[in-house]
Amino acid sequence: MIIKYLACSVGILSALLSMPSFAQQNNESQQISALKKQIHRLNHEVQQLNDRVDFLESQIGNGHHTNSSAYICSISVFGKTYQGESFNHAKATLEAMNKCRAKNDNMFCTQETVSCQKIQ
C-alpha cells in the first residue's frame, strides 16, 4: 500500500513539475511562430525595396531623367584634362575622377579638383 502511495505521489509530483515546462514550451512555440511570421513579412518588404531599387537603377541606366540638365565635369592634371558626362552630377564627377585616376596618382584626382558645368 505504501509503495502504491509513493508511486502515485511520484507520478503526481512529476506531472506537476512537467506542467510549467509544457507551458514554457507552448509559449516558446508561439514566440517562434510569431518570429517566423515577422521574418517572412520583413523578407517580403526587403524584396519590394530591392524591386524598387532595381527599377530606379534601370531608369537611370536607360537615360530616363526628370530634368533636361546634363553635367560635364573635368579635372586638369599636368596639362591633361579628364572629362565625365552624365545627366547625374555625381556620375559625371565620378567618371572624370576615374579617368584621371587611371593615368595619375589618386591625390591629384579628388572631388575637390573636379569642376562641373551644368548644361540646360
PDB file of N, CA and C in Angstrom:
ATOM      1  N   MET A   1       0.806  -1.179   0.000  1.00  0.00           N
ATOM      2  CA  MET A   1       0.000   0.000   0.000  1.00  0.00           C
ATOM      3  C   MET A   1       0.868   1.270   0.000  1.00  0.00           C
ATOM      4  N   ILE A   2       1.910   1.281   0.796  1.00  0.00           N
ATOM      5  CA  ILE A   2       2.807   2.428   0.861  1.00  0.00           C
ATOM      6  C   ILE A   2       3.518   2.603  -0.475  1.00  0.00           C
ATOM      7  N   ILE A   3       3.886   1.502  -1.106  1.00  0.00           N
ATOM      8  CA  ILE A   3       4.582   1.577  -2.389  1.00  0.00           C
ATOM      9  C   ILE A   3       3.661   2.194  -3.438  1.00  0.00           C
ATOM     10  N   LYS A   4       2.381   1.791  -3.454  1.00  0.00           N
ATOM     11  CA  LYS A   4       1.434   2.365  -4.404  1.00  0.00           C
ATOM     12  C   LYS A   4       1.264   3.859  -4.134  1.00  0.00           C
ATOM     13  N   TYR A   5       1.188   4.224  -2.837  1.00  0.00           N
ATOM     14  CA  TYR A   5       1.037   5.620  -2.473  1.00  0.00           C
ATOM     15  C   TYR A   5       2.253   6.422  -2.939  1.00  0.00           C
ATOM     16  N   LEU A   6       3.478   5.881  -2.718  1.00  0.00           N
ATOM     17  CA  LEU A   6       4.702   6.553  -3.137  1.00  0.00           C
ATOM     18  C   LEU A   6       4.764   6.657  -4.661  1.00  0.00           C
ATOM     19  N   ALA A   7       4.388   5.590  -5.337  1.00  0.00           N
ATOM     20  CA  ALA A   7       4.410   5.607  -6.805  1.00  0.00           C
ATOM     21  C   ALA A   7       3.421   6.631  -7.336  1.00  0.00           C
ATOM     22  N   CYS A   8       2.252   6.688  -6.736  1.00  0.00           N
ATOM     23  CA  CYS A   8       1.234   7.651  -7.152  1.00  0.00           C
ATOM     24  C   CYS A   8       1.709   9.073  -6.851  1.00  0.00           C
ATOM     25  N   SER A   9       2.326   9.277  -5.702  1.00  0.00           N
ATOM     26  CA  SER A   9       2.832  10.594  -5.327  1.00  0.00           C
ATOM     27  C   SER A   9       3.941  11.037  -6.265  1.00  0.00           C
ATOM     28  N   VAL A  10       4.825  10.114  -6.611  1.00  0.00           N
ATOM     29  CA  VAL A  10       5.907  10.427  -7.542  1.00  0.00           C
ATOM     30  C   VAL A  10       5.319  10.791  -8.905  1.00  0.00           C
ATOM     31  N   GLY A  11       4.302  10.068  -9.339  1.00  0.00           N
ATOM     32  CA  GLY A  11       3.666  10.353 -10.626  1.00  0.00           C
ATOM     33  C   GLY A  11       3.029  11.729 -10.634  1.00  0.00           C
ATOM     34  N   ILE A  12       2.312  12.040  -9.543  1.00  0.00           N
ATOM     35  CA  ILE A  12       1.676  13.354  -9.454  1.00  0.00           C
ATOM     36  C   ILE A  12       2.729  14.445  -9.398  1.00  0.00           C
ATOM     37  N   LEU A  13       3.777  14.224  -8.609  1.00  0.00           N
ATOM     38  CA  LEU A  13       4.847  15.203  -8.486  1.00  0.00           C
ATOM     39  C   LEU A  13       5.527  15.442  -9.831  1.00  0.00           C
ATOM     40  N   SER A  14       5.811  14.388 -10.574  1.00  0.00           N
ATOM     41  CA  SER A  14       6.466  14.565 -11.874  1.00  0.00           C
ATOM     42  C   SER A  14       5.530  15.253 -12.861  1.00  0.00           C
ATOM     43  N   ALA A  15       4.237  14.970 -12.773  1.00  0.00           N
ATOM     44  CA  ALA A  15       3.272  15.644 -13.646  1.00  0.00           C
ATOM     45  C   ALA A  15       3.221  17.133 -13.318  1.00  0.00           C
ATOM     46  N   LEU A  16       3.222  17.464 -12.053  1.00  0.00           N
ATOM     47  CA  LEU A  16       3.190  18.870 -11.643  1.00  0.00           C
ATOM     48  C   LEU A  16       4.468  19.600 -12.073  1.00  0.00           C
ATOM     49  N   LEU A  17       5.592  18.922 -11.948  1.00  0.00           N
ATOM     50  CA  LEU A  17       6.846  19.533 -12.332  1.00  0.00           C
ATOM     51  C   LEU A  17       6.944  19.737 -13.845  1.00  0.00           C
ATOM     52  N   SER A  18       6.313  18.867 -14.593  1.00  0.00           N
ATOM     53  CA  SER A  18       6.401  18.983 -16.048  1.00  0.00           C
ATOM     54  C   SER A  18       5.419  20.000 -16.610  1.00  0.00           C
ATOM     55  N   MET A  19       4.423  20.394 -15.886  1.00  0.00           N
ATOM     56  CA  MET A  19       3.428  21.336 -16.388  1.00  0.00           C
ATOM     57  C   MET A  19       4.031  22.696 -16.733  1.00  0.00           C
ATOM     58  N   PRO A  20       4.827  23.323 -15.866  1.00  0.00           N
ATOM     59  CA  PRO A  20       5.421  24.602 -16.271  1.00  0.00           C
ATOM     60  C   PRO A  20       6.308  24.445 -17.499  1.00  0.00           C
ATOM     61  N   SER A  21       6.981  23.320 -17.592  1.00  0.00           N
ATOM     62  CA  SER A  21       7.840  23.064 -18.740  1.00  0.00           C
ATOM     63  C   SER A  21       6.995  23.005 -20.012  1.00  0.00           C
ATOM     64  N   PHE A  22       5.844  22.328 -19.922  1.00  0.00           N
ATOM     65  CA  PHE A  22       4.950  22.257 -21.081  1.00  0.00           C
ATOM     66  C   PHE A  22       4.432  23.651 -21.442  1.00  0.00           C
ATOM     67  N   ALA A  23       4.049  24.423 -20.442  1.00  0.00           N
ATOM     68  CA  ALA A  23       3.565  25.774 -20.694  1.00  0.00           C
ATOM     69  C   ALA A  23       4.667  26.629 -21.305  1.00  0.00           C
ATOM     70  N   GLN A  24       5.887  26.444 -20.807  1.00  0.00           N
ATOM     71  CA  GLN A  24       7.017  27.204 -21.334  1.00  0.00           C
ATOM     72  C   GLN A  24       7.281  26.812 -22.788  1.00  0.00           C
ATOM     73  N   GLN A  25       7.207  25.509 -23.081  1.00  0.00           N
ATOM     74  CA  GLN A  25       7.416  25.058 -24.456  1.00  0.00           C
ATOM     75  C   GLN A  25       6.344  25.626 -25.376  1.00  0.00           C
ATOM     76  N   ASN A  26       5.090  25.648 -24.885  1.00  0.00           N
ATOM     77  CA  ASN A  26       3.997  26.187 -25.679  1.00  0.00           C
ATOM     78  C   ASN A  26       4.222  27.677 -25.941  1.00  0.00           C
ATOM     79  N   ASN A  27       4.663  28.425 -24.923  1.00  0.00           N
ATOM     80  CA  ASN A  27       4.942  29.840 -25.065  1.00  0.00           C
ATOM     81  C   ASN A  27       6.100  30.056 -26.046  1.00  0.00           C
ATOM     82  N   GLU A  28       7.150  29.251 -25.937  1.00  0.00           N
ATOM     83  CA  GLU A  28       8.282  29.344 -26.860  1.00  0.00           C
ATOM     84  C   GLU A  28       7.840  29.043 -28.285  1.00  0.00           C
ATOM     85  N   SER A  29       6.963  28.068 -28.425  1.00  0.00           N
ATOM     86  CA  SER A  29       6.448  27.709 -29.742  1.00  0.00           C
ATOM     87  C   SER A  29       5.674  28.879 -30.352  1.00  0.00           C
ATOM     88  N   GLN A  30       4.885  29.551 -29.538  1.00  0.00           N
ATOM     89  CA  GLN A  30       4.142  30.717 -30.018  1.00  0.00           C
ATOM     90  C   GLN A  30       5.097  31.846 -30.394  1.00  0.00           C
ATOM     91  N   GLN A  31       6.133  32.042 -29.584  1.00  0.00           N
ATOM     92  CA  GLN A  31       7.118  33.085 -29.881  1.00  0.00           C
ATOM     93  C   GLN A  31       7.850  32.778 -31.183  1.00  0.00           C
ATOM     94  N   ILE A  32       8.230  31.523 -31.364  1.00  0.00           N
ATOM     95  CA  ILE A  32       8.919  31.128 -32.594  1.00  0.00           C
ATOM     96  C   ILE A  32       8.013  31.344 -33.800  1.00  0.00           C
ATOM     97  N   SER A  33       6.749  30.986 -33.655  1.00  0.00           N
ATOM     98  CA  SER A  33       5.792  31.181 -34.744  1.00  0.00           C
ATOM     99  C   SER A  33       5.639  32.662 -35.076  1.00  0.00           C
ATOM    100  N   ALA A  34       5.543  33.502 -34.052  1.00  0.00           N
ATOM    101  CA  ALA A  34       5.419  34.944 -34.273  1.00  0.00           C
ATOM    102  C   ALA A  34       6.677  35.495 -34.946  1.00  0.00           C
ATOM    103  N   LEU A  35       7.849  35.028 -34.527  1.00  0.00           N
ATOM    104  CA  LEU A  35       9.104  35.481 -35.133  1.00  0.00           C
ATOM    105  C   LEU A  35       9.203  35.047 -36.591  1.00  0.00           C
ATOM    106  N   LYS A  36       8.750  33.827 -36.890  1.00  0.00           N
ATOM    107  CA  LYS A  36       8.773  33.355 -38.272  1.00  0.00           C
ATOM    108  C   LYS A  36       7.879  34.220 -39.156  1.00  0.00           C
ATOM    109  N   LYS A  37       6.715  34.594 -38.631  1.00  0.00           N
ATOM    110  CA  LYS A  37       5.809  35.465 -39.393  1.00  0.00           C
ATOM    111  C   LYS A  37       6.449  36.829 -39.621  1.00  0.00           C
ATOM    112  N   GLN A  38       7.105  37.348 -38.595  1.00  0.00           N
ATOM    113  CA  GLN A  38       7.757  38.649 -38.710  1.00  0.00           C
ATOM    114  C   GLN A  38       8.897  38.592 -39.732  1.00  0.00           C
ATOM    115  N   ILE A  39       9.681  37.528 -39.701  1.00  0.00           N
ATOM    116  CA  ILE A  39      10.774  37.357 -40.658  1.00  0.00           C
ATOM    117  C   ILE A  39      10.220  37.285 -42.078  1.00  0.00           C
ATOM    118  N   HIS A  40       9.128  36.542 -42.249  1.00  0.00           N
ATOM    119  CA  HIS A  40       8.503  36.422 -43.569  1.00  0.00           C
ATOM    120  C   HIS A  40       8.041  37.792 -44.068  1.00  0.00           C
ATOM    121  N   ARG A  41       7.419  38.579 -43.195  1.00  0.00           N
ATOM    122  CA  ARG A  41       6.946  39.910 -43.565  1.00  0.00           C
ATOM    123  C   ARG A  41       8.125  40.823 -43.930  1.00  0.00           C
ATOM    124  N   LEU A  42       9.192  40.771 -43.121  1.00  0.00           N
ATOM    125  CA  LEU A  42      10.366  41.602 -43.388  1.00  0.00           C
ATOM    126  C   LEU A  42      11.046  41.200 -44.697  1.00  0.00           C
ATOM    127  N   ASN A  43      11.137  39.900 -44.957  1.00  0.00           N
ATOM    128  CA  ASN A  43      11.716  39.441 -46.222  1.00  0.00           C
ATOM    129  C   ASN A  43      10.910  39.966 -47.406  1.00  0.00           C
ATOM    130  N   HIS A  44       9.587  39.962 -47.258  1.00  0.00           N
ATOM    131  CA  HIS A  44       8.711  40.470 -48.313  1.00  0.00           C
ATOM    132  C   HIS A  44       8.964  41.965 -48.539  1.00  0.00           C
ATOM    133  N   GLU A  45       9.084  42.729 -47.454  1.00  0.00           N
ATOM    134  CA  GLU A  45       9.339  44.163 -47.568  1.00  0.00           C
ATOM    135  C   GLU A  45      10.708  44.434 -48.191  1.00  0.00           C
ATOM    136  N   VAL A  46      11.713  43.659 -47.822  1.00  0.00           N
ATOM    137  CA  VAL A  46      13.047  43.812 -48.418  1.00  0.00           C
ATOM    138  C   VAL A  46      12.985  43.529 -49.916  1.00  0.00           C
ATOM    139  N   GLN A  47      12.238  42.501 -50.299  1.00  0.00           N
ATOM    140  CA  GLN A  47      12.110  42.180 -51.721  1.00  0.00           C
ATOM    141  C   GLN A  47      11.441  43.322 -52.476  1.00  0.00           C
ATOM    142  N   GLN A  48      10.408  43.931 -51.869  1.00  0.00           N
ATOM    143  CA  GLN A  48       9.755  45.070 -52.511  1.00  0.00           C
ATOM    144  C   GLN A  48      10.724  46.237 -52.677  1.00  0.00           C
ATOM    145  N   LEU A  49      11.543  46.499 -51.656  1.00  0.00           N
ATOM    146  CA  LEU A  49      12.531  47.577 -51.749  1.00  0.00           C
ATOM    147  C   LEU A  49      13.575  47.273 -52.818  1.00  0.00           C
ATOM    148  N   ASN A  50      14.034  46.021 -52.876  1.00  0.00           N
ATOM    149  CA  ASN A  50      15.003  45.634 -53.912  1.00  0.00           C
ATOM    150  C   ASN A  50      14.410  45.817 -55.306  1.00  0.00           C
ATOM    151  N   ASP A  51      13.145  45.457 -55.459  1.00  0.00           N
ATOM    152  CA  ASP A  51      12.489  45.631 -56.757  1.00  0.00           C
ATOM    153  C   ASP A  51      12.430  47.109 -57.128  1.00  0.00           C
ATOM    154  N   ARG A  52      12.133  47.949 -56.156  1.00  0.00           N
ATOM    155  CA  ARG A  52      12.055  49.392 -56.407  1.00  0.00           C
ATOM    156  C   ARG A  52      13.427  49.958 -56.788  1.00  0.00           C
ATOM    157  N   VAL A  53      14.468  49.526 -56.072  1.00  0.00           N
ATOM    158  CA  VAL A  53      15.828  49.970 -56.384  1.00  0.00           C
ATOM    159  C   VAL A  53      16.215  49.527 -57.790  1.00  0.00           C
ATOM    160  N   ASP A  54      15.916  48.275 -58.132  1.00  0.00           N
ATOM    161  CA  ASP A  54      16.223  47.779 -59.475  1.00  0.00           C
ATOM    162  C   ASP A  54      15.521  48.618 -60.541  1.00  0.00           C
ATOM    163  N   PHE A  55      14.257  48.943 -60.288  1.00  0.00           N
ATOM    164  CA  PHE A  55      13.504  49.759 -61.241  1.00  0.00           C
ATOM    165  C   PHE A  55      14.151  51.134 -61.401  1.00  0.00           C
ATOM    166  N   LEU A  56      14.459  51.772 -60.278  1.00  0.00           N
ATOM    167  CA  LEU A  56      15.053  53.113 -60.342  1.00  0.00           C
ATOM    168  C   LEU A  56      16.424  53.085 -61.007  1.00  0.00           C
ATOM    169  N   GLU A  57      17.227  52.067 -60.710  1.00  0.00           N
ATOM    170  CA  GLU A  57      18.535  51.956 -61.352  1.00  0.00           C
ATOM    171  C   GLU A  57      18.391  51.732 -62.848  1.00  0.00           C
ATOM    172  N   SER A  58      17.390  50.977 -63.250  1.00  0.00           N
ATOM    173  CA  SER A  58      17.192  50.753 -64.685  1.00  0.00           C
ATOM    174  C   SER A  58      16.775  52.048 -65.370  1.00  0.00           C
ATOM    175  N   GLN A  59      16.009  52.877 -64.670  1.00  0.00           N
ATOM    176  CA  GLN A  59      15.612  54.166 -65.241  1.00  0.00           C
ATOM    177  C   GLN A  59      16.829  55.069 -65.418  1.00  0.00           C
ATOM    178  N   ILE A  60      17.711  55.083 -64.443  1.00  0.00           N
ATOM    179  CA  ILE A  60      18.926  55.891 -64.542  1.00  0.00           C
ATOM    180  C   ILE A  60      19.814  55.349 -65.656  1.00  0.00           C
ATOM    181  N   GLY A  61      19.967  54.031 -65.696  1.00  0.00           N
ATOM    182  CA  GLY A  61      20.831  53.409 -66.697  1.00  0.00           C
ATOM    183  C   GLY A  61      20.320  53.581 -68.109  1.00  0.00           C
ATOM    184  N   ASN A  62      19.009  53.709 -68.279  1.00  0.00           N
ATOM    185  CA  ASN A  62      18.434  53.868 -69.610  1.00  0.00           C
ATOM    186  C   ASN A  62      18.366  55.317 -70.058  1.00  0.00           C
ATOM    187  N   GLY A  63      18.908  56.200 -69.232  1.00  0.00           N
ATOM    188  CA  GLY A  63      18.924  57.601 -69.623  1.00  0.00           C
ATOM    189  C   GLY A  63      17.631  58.336 -69.321  1.00  0.00           C
ATOM    190  N   HIS A  64      16.689  57.686 -68.621  1.00  0.00           N
ATOM    191  CA  HIS A  64      15.478  58.403 -68.235  1.00  0.00           C
ATOM    192  C   HIS A  64      15.828  59.367 -67.116  1.00  0.00           C
ATOM    193  N   HIS A  65      15.437  60.582 -67.262  1.00  0.00           N
ATOM    194  CA  HIS A  65      15.732  61.566 -66.243  1.00  0.00           C
ATOM    195  C   HIS A  65      14.572  62.537 -66.181  1.00  0.00           C
ATOM    196  N   THR A  66      14.436  63.156 -65.026  1.00  0.00           N
ATOM    197  CA  THR A  66      13.291  64.024 -64.810  1.00  0.00           C
ATOM    198  C   THR A  66      13.531  65.443 -65.300  1.00  0.00           C
ATOM    199  N   ASN A  67      14.770  65.832 -65.470  1.00  0.00           N
ATOM    200  CA  ASN A  67      15.036  67.174 -65.986  1.00  0.00           C
ATOM    201  C   ASN A  67      15.929  67.057 -67.218  1.00  0.00           C
ATOM    202  N   SER A  68      16.075  68.161 -67.900  1.00  0.00           N
ATOM    203  CA  SER A  68      16.854  68.103 -69.141  1.00  0.00           C
ATOM    204  C   SER A  68      18.276  68.612 -68.945  1.00  0.00           C
ATOM    205  N   SER A  69      18.710  68.716 -67.708  1.00  0.00           N
ATOM    206  CA  SER A  69      20.062  69.200 -67.438  1.00  0.00           C
ATOM    207  C   SER A  69      21.075  68.068 -67.553  1.00  0.00           C
ATOM    208  N   ALA A  70      22.215  68.403 -68.088  1.00  0.00           N
ATOM    209  CA  ALA A  70      23.328  67.461 -68.154  1.00  0.00           C
ATOM    210  C   ALA A  70      24.519  68.106 -67.461  1.00  0.00           C
ATOM    211  N   TYR A  71      25.462  67.281 -67.074  1.00  0.00           N
ATOM    212  CA  TYR A  71      26.651  67.792 -66.394  1.00  0.00           C
ATOM    213  C   TYR A  71      27.896  67.341 -67.144  1.00  0.00           C
ATOM    214  N   ILE A  72      28.812  68.262 -67.294  1.00  0.00           N
ATOM    215  CA  ILE A  72      30.128  67.959 -67.840  1.00  0.00           C
ATOM    216  C   ILE A  72      31.129  68.349 -66.759  1.00  0.00           C
ATOM    217  N   CYS A  73      31.825  67.354 -66.256  1.00  0.00           N
ATOM    218  CA  CYS A  73      32.792  67.588 -65.180  1.00  0.00           C
ATOM    219  C   CYS A  73      34.190  67.276 -65.702  1.00  0.00           C
ATOM    220  N   SER A  74      35.158  68.052 -65.243  1.00  0.00           N
ATOM    221  CA  SER A  74      36.523  67.833 -65.726  1.00  0.00           C
ATOM    222  C   SER A  74      37.542  68.073 -64.619  1.00  0.00           C
ATOM    223  N   ILE A  75      38.686  67.419 -64.809  1.00  0.00           N
ATOM    224  CA  ILE A  75      39.850  67.591 -63.937  1.00  0.00           C
ATOM    225  C   ILE A  75      41.044  67.806 -64.854  1.00  0.00           C
ATOM    226  N   SER A  76      41.837  68.807 -64.553  1.00  0.00           N
ATOM    227  CA  SER A  76      43.066  69.041 -65.319  1.00  0.00           C
ATOM    228  C   SER A  76      44.261  68.747 -64.423  1.00  0.00           C
ATOM    229  N   VAL A  77      45.118  67.838 -64.889  1.00  0.00           N
ATOM    230  CA  VAL A  77      46.311  67.448 -64.140  1.00  0.00           C
ATOM    231  C   VAL A  77      47.489  67.443 -65.118  1.00  0.00           C
ATOM    232  N   PHE A  78      48.513  68.226 -64.784  1.00  0.00           N
ATOM    233  CA  PHE A  78      49.729  68.305 -65.593  1.00  0.00           C
ATOM    234  C   PHE A  78      49.425  68.578 -67.066  1.00  0.00           C
ATOM    235  N   GLY A  79      48.491  69.493 -67.305  1.00  0.00           N
ATOM    236  CA  GLY A  79      48.180  69.905 -68.667  1.00  0.00           C
ATOM    237  C   GLY A  79      47.236  68.981 -69.410  1.00  0.00           C
ATOM    238  N   LYS A  80      46.825  67.907 -68.814  1.00  0.00           N
ATOM    239  CA  LYS A  80      45.901  66.970 -69.458  1.00  0.00           C
ATOM    240  C   LYS A  80      44.545  67.072 -68.765  1.00  0.00           C
ATOM    241  N   THR A  81      43.451  67.068 -69.535  1.00  0.00           N
ATOM    242  CA  THR A  81      42.098  67.200 -68.982  1.00  0.00           C
ATOM    243  C   THR A  81      41.351  65.877 -69.117  1.00  0.00           C
ATOM    244  N   TYR A  82      40.701  65.490 -68.035  1.00  0.00           N
ATOM    245  CA  TYR A  82      39.891  64.270 -67.982  1.00  0.00           C
ATOM    246  C   TYR A  82      38.449  64.695 -67.750  1.00  0.00           C
ATOM    247  N   GLN A  83      37.541  64.163 -68.561  1.00  0.00           N
ATOM    248  CA  GLN A  83      36.180  64.663 -68.557  1.00  0.00           C
ATOM    249  C   GLN A  83      35.170  63.538 -68.320  1.00  0.00           C
ATOM    250  N   GLY A  84      34.099  63.860 -67.597  1.00  0.00           N
ATOM    251  CA  GLY A  84      32.980  62.951 -67.384  1.00  0.00           C
ATOM    252  C   GLY A  84      31.688  63.652 -67.724  1.00  0.00           C
ATOM    253  N   GLU A  85      30.756  62.918 -68.318  1.00  0.00           N
ATOM    254  CA  GLU A  85      29.479  63.498 -68.728  1.00  0.00           C
ATOM    255  C   GLU A  85      28.347  62.597 -68.283  1.00  0.00           C
ATOM    256  N   SER A  86      27.282  63.229 -67.783  1.00  0.00           N
ATOM    257  CA  SER A  86      26.111  62.467 -67.366  1.00  0.00           C
ATOM    258  C   SER A  86      24.959  63.416 -67.069  1.00  0.00           C
ATOM    259  N   PHE A  87      23.756  62.863 -66.997  1.00  0.00           N
ATOM    260  CA  PHE A  87      22.613  63.631 -66.528  1.00  0.00           C
ATOM    261  C   PHE A  87      22.610  63.691 -65.005  1.00  0.00           C
ATOM    262  N   ASN A  88      23.485  62.909 -64.390  1.00  0.00           N
ATOM    263  CA  ASN A  88      23.612  62.857 -62.935  1.00  0.00           C
ATOM    264  C   ASN A  88      24.941  63.502 -62.545  1.00  0.00           C
ATOM    265  N   HIS A  89      24.889  64.513 -61.691  1.00  0.00           N
ATOM    266  CA  HIS A  89      26.091  65.255 -61.290  1.00  0.00           C
ATOM    267  C   HIS A  89      27.142  64.329 -60.677  1.00  0.00           C
ATOM    268  N   ALA A  90      26.706  63.452 -59.771  1.00  0.00           N
ATOM    269  CA  ALA A  90      27.647  62.546 -59.092  1.00  0.00           C
ATOM    270  C   ALA A  90      28.315  61.596 -60.086  1.00  0.00           C
ATOM    271  N   LYS A  91      27.537  61.092 -61.047  1.00  0.00           N
ATOM    272  CA  LYS A  91      28.119  60.179 -62.040  1.00  0.00           C
ATOM    273  C   LYS A  91      29.141  60.890 -62.923  1.00  0.00           C
ATOM    274  N   ALA A  92      28.833  62.107 -63.320  1.00  0.00           N
ATOM    275  CA  ALA A  92      29.777  62.869 -64.162  1.00  0.00           C
ATOM    276  C   ALA A  92      31.067  63.142 -63.397  1.00  0.00           C
ATOM    277  N   THR A  93      30.928  63.497 -62.119  1.00  0.00           N
ATOM    278  CA  THR A  93      32.106  63.742 -61.279  1.00  0.00           C
ATOM    279  C   THR A  93      32.941  62.477 -61.146  1.00  0.00           C
ATOM    280  N   LEU A  94      32.291  61.378 -60.838  1.00  0.00           N
ATOM    281  CA  LEU A  94      32.996  60.112 -60.654  1.00  0.00           C
ATOM    282  C   LEU A  94      33.672  59.653 -61.937  1.00  0.00           C
ATOM    283  N   GLU A  95      33.007  59.836 -63.049  1.00  0.00           N
ATOM    284  CA  GLU A  95      33.599  59.441 -64.329  1.00  0.00           C
ATOM    285  C   GLU A  95      34.893  60.226 -64.596  1.00  0.00           C
ATOM    286  N   ALA A  96      34.859  61.528 -64.347  1.00  0.00           N
ATOM    287  CA  ALA A  96      36.063  62.345 -64.540  1.00  0.00           C
ATOM    288  C   ALA A  96      37.178  61.902 -63.588  1.00  0.00           C
ATOM    289  N   MET A  97      36.814  61.646 -62.336  1.00  0.00           N
ATOM    290  CA  MET A  97      37.810  61.209 -61.344  1.00  0.00           C
ATOM    291  C   MET A  97      38.416  59.869 -61.740  1.00  0.00           C
ATOM    292  N   ASN A  98      37.591  58.936 -62.190  1.00  0.00           N
ATOM    293  CA  ASN A  98      38.103  57.614 -62.570  1.00  0.00           C
ATOM    294  C   ASN A  98      39.032  57.682 -63.780  1.00  0.00           C
ATOM    295  N   LYS A  99      38.689  58.523 -64.742  1.00  0.00           N
ATOM    296  CA  LYS A  99      39.567  58.681 -65.906  1.00  0.00           C
ATOM    297  C   LYS A  99      40.906  59.276 -65.489  1.00  0.00           C
ATOM    298  N   CYS A 100      40.846  60.237 -64.581  1.00  0.00           N
ATOM    299  CA  CYS A 100      42.071  60.865 -64.085  1.00  0.00           C
ATOM    300  C   CYS A 100      42.921  59.853 -63.305  1.00  0.00           C
ATOM    301  N   ARG A 101      42.266  59.075 -62.459  1.00  0.00           N
ATOM    302  CA  ARG A 101      42.977  58.098 -61.625  1.00  0.00           C
ATOM    303  C   ARG A 101      43.607  56.978 -62.441  1.00  0.00           C
ATOM    304  N   ALA A 102      43.058  56.726 -63.615  1.00  0.00           N
ATOM    305  CA  ALA A 102      43.627  55.683 -64.465  1.00  0.00           C
ATOM    306  C   ALA A 102      45.020  56.076 -64.973  1.00  0.00           C
ATOM    307  N   LYS A 103      45.304  57.387 -65.014  1.00  0.00           N
ATOM    308  CA  LYS A 103      46.581  57.867 -65.553  1.00  0.00           C
ATOM    309  C   LYS A 103      47.458  58.574 -64.527  1.00  0.00           C
ATOM    310  N   ASN A 104      46.892  58.912 -63.358  1.00  0.00           N
ATOM    311  CA  ASN A 104      47.616  59.706 -62.361  1.00  0.00           C
ATOM    312  C   ASN A 104      47.412  59.139 -60.962  1.00  0.00           C
ATOM    313  N   ASP A 105      48.199  59.627 -60.042  1.00  0.00           N
ATOM    314  CA  ASP A 105      48.043  59.261 -58.643  1.00  0.00           C
ATOM    315  C   ASP A 105      46.714  59.806 -58.116  1.00  0.00           C
ATOM    316  N   ASN A 106      46.072  59.061 -57.225  1.00  0.00           N
ATOM    317  CA  ASN A 106      44.770  59.445 -56.675  1.00  0.00           C
ATOM    318  C   ASN A 106      44.771  60.831 -56.026  1.00  0.00           C
ATOM    319  N   MET A 107      45.908  61.244 -55.486  1.00  0.00           N
ATOM    320  CA  MET A 107      45.944  62.524 -54.781  1.00  0.00           C
ATOM    321  C   MET A 107      45.705  63.712 -55.710  1.00  0.00           C
ATOM    322  N   PHE A 108      45.895  63.519 -57.006  1.00  0.00           N
ATOM    323  CA  PHE A 108      45.656  64.587 -57.963  1.00  0.00           C
ATOM    324  C   PHE A 108      44.228  64.563 -58.513  1.00  0.00           C
ATOM    325  N   CYS A 109      43.498  63.501 -58.198  1.00  0.00           N
ATOM    326  CA  CYS A 109      42.179  63.286 -58.812  1.00  0.00           C
ATOM    327  C   CYS A 109      41.096  63.186 -57.740  1.00  0.00           C
ATOM    328  N   THR A 110      40.952  64.220 -56.972  1.00  0.00           N
ATOM    329  CA  THR A 110      39.969  64.215 -55.887  1.00  0.00           C
ATOM    330  C   THR A 110      38.729  65.001 -56.299  1.00  0.00           C
ATOM    331  N   GLN A 111      37.683  64.833 -55.522  1.00  0.00           N
ATOM    332  CA  GLN A 111      36.439  65.539 -55.796  1.00  0.00           C
ATOM    333  C   GLN A 111      36.628  67.052 -55.736  1.00  0.00           C
ATOM    334  N   GLU A 112      37.527  67.484 -54.880  1.00  0.00           N
ATOM    335  CA  GLU A 112      37.793  68.915 -54.751  1.00  0.00           C
ATOM    336  C   GLU A 112      38.420  69.511 -56.007  1.00  0.00           C
ATOM    337  N   THR A 113      39.101  68.686 -56.791  1.00  0.00           N
ATOM    338  CA  THR A 113      39.754  69.184 -58.004  1.00  0.00           C
ATOM    339  C   THR A 113      38.853  69.117 -59.231  1.00  0.00           C
ATOM    340  N   VAL A 114      37.644  68.593 -59.067  1.00  0.00           N
ATOM    341  CA  VAL A 114      36.713  68.485 -60.184  1.00  0.00           C
ATOM    342  C   VAL A 114      35.948  69.794 -60.338  1.00  0.00           C
ATOM    343  N   SER A 115      35.794  70.232 -61.565  1.00  0.00           N
ATOM    344  CA  SER A 115      34.901  71.369 -61.833  1.00  0.00           C
ATOM    345  C   SER A 115      33.821  70.897 -62.787  1.00  0.00           C
ATOM    346  N   CYS A 116      32.588  71.278 -62.491  1.00  0.00           N
ATOM    347  CA  CYS A 116      31.460  70.816 -63.295  1.00  0.00           C
ATOM    348  C   CYS A 116      30.683  71.979 -63.874  1.00  0.00           C
ATOM    349  N   GLN A 117      30.131  71.705 -65.026  1.00  0.00           N
ATOM    350  CA  GLN A 117      29.319  72.704 -65.723  1.00  0.00           C
ATOM    351  C   GLN A 117      27.954  72.063 -65.977  1.00  0.00           C
ATOM    352  N   LYS A 118      26.901  72.778 -65.636  1.00  0.00           N
ATOM    353  CA  LYS A 118      25.543  72.290 -65.852  1.00  0.00           C
ATOM    354  C   LYS A 118      25.066  72.803 -67.220  1.00  0.00           C
ATOM    355  N   ILE A 119      24.633  71.896 -68.064  1.00  0.00           N
ATOM    356  CA  ILE A 119      24.157  72.237 -69.401  1.00  0.00           C
ATOM    357  C   ILE A 119      22.646  72.055 -69.431  1.00  0.00           C
ATOM    358  N   GLN A 120      21.942  73.091 -69.844  1.00  0.00           N
ATOM    359  CA  GLN A 120      20.456  73.018 -69.895  1.00  0.00           C
ATOM    360  C   GLN A 120      19.986  72.380 -71.176  1.00  0.00           C
TER     361      GLN A 120
END
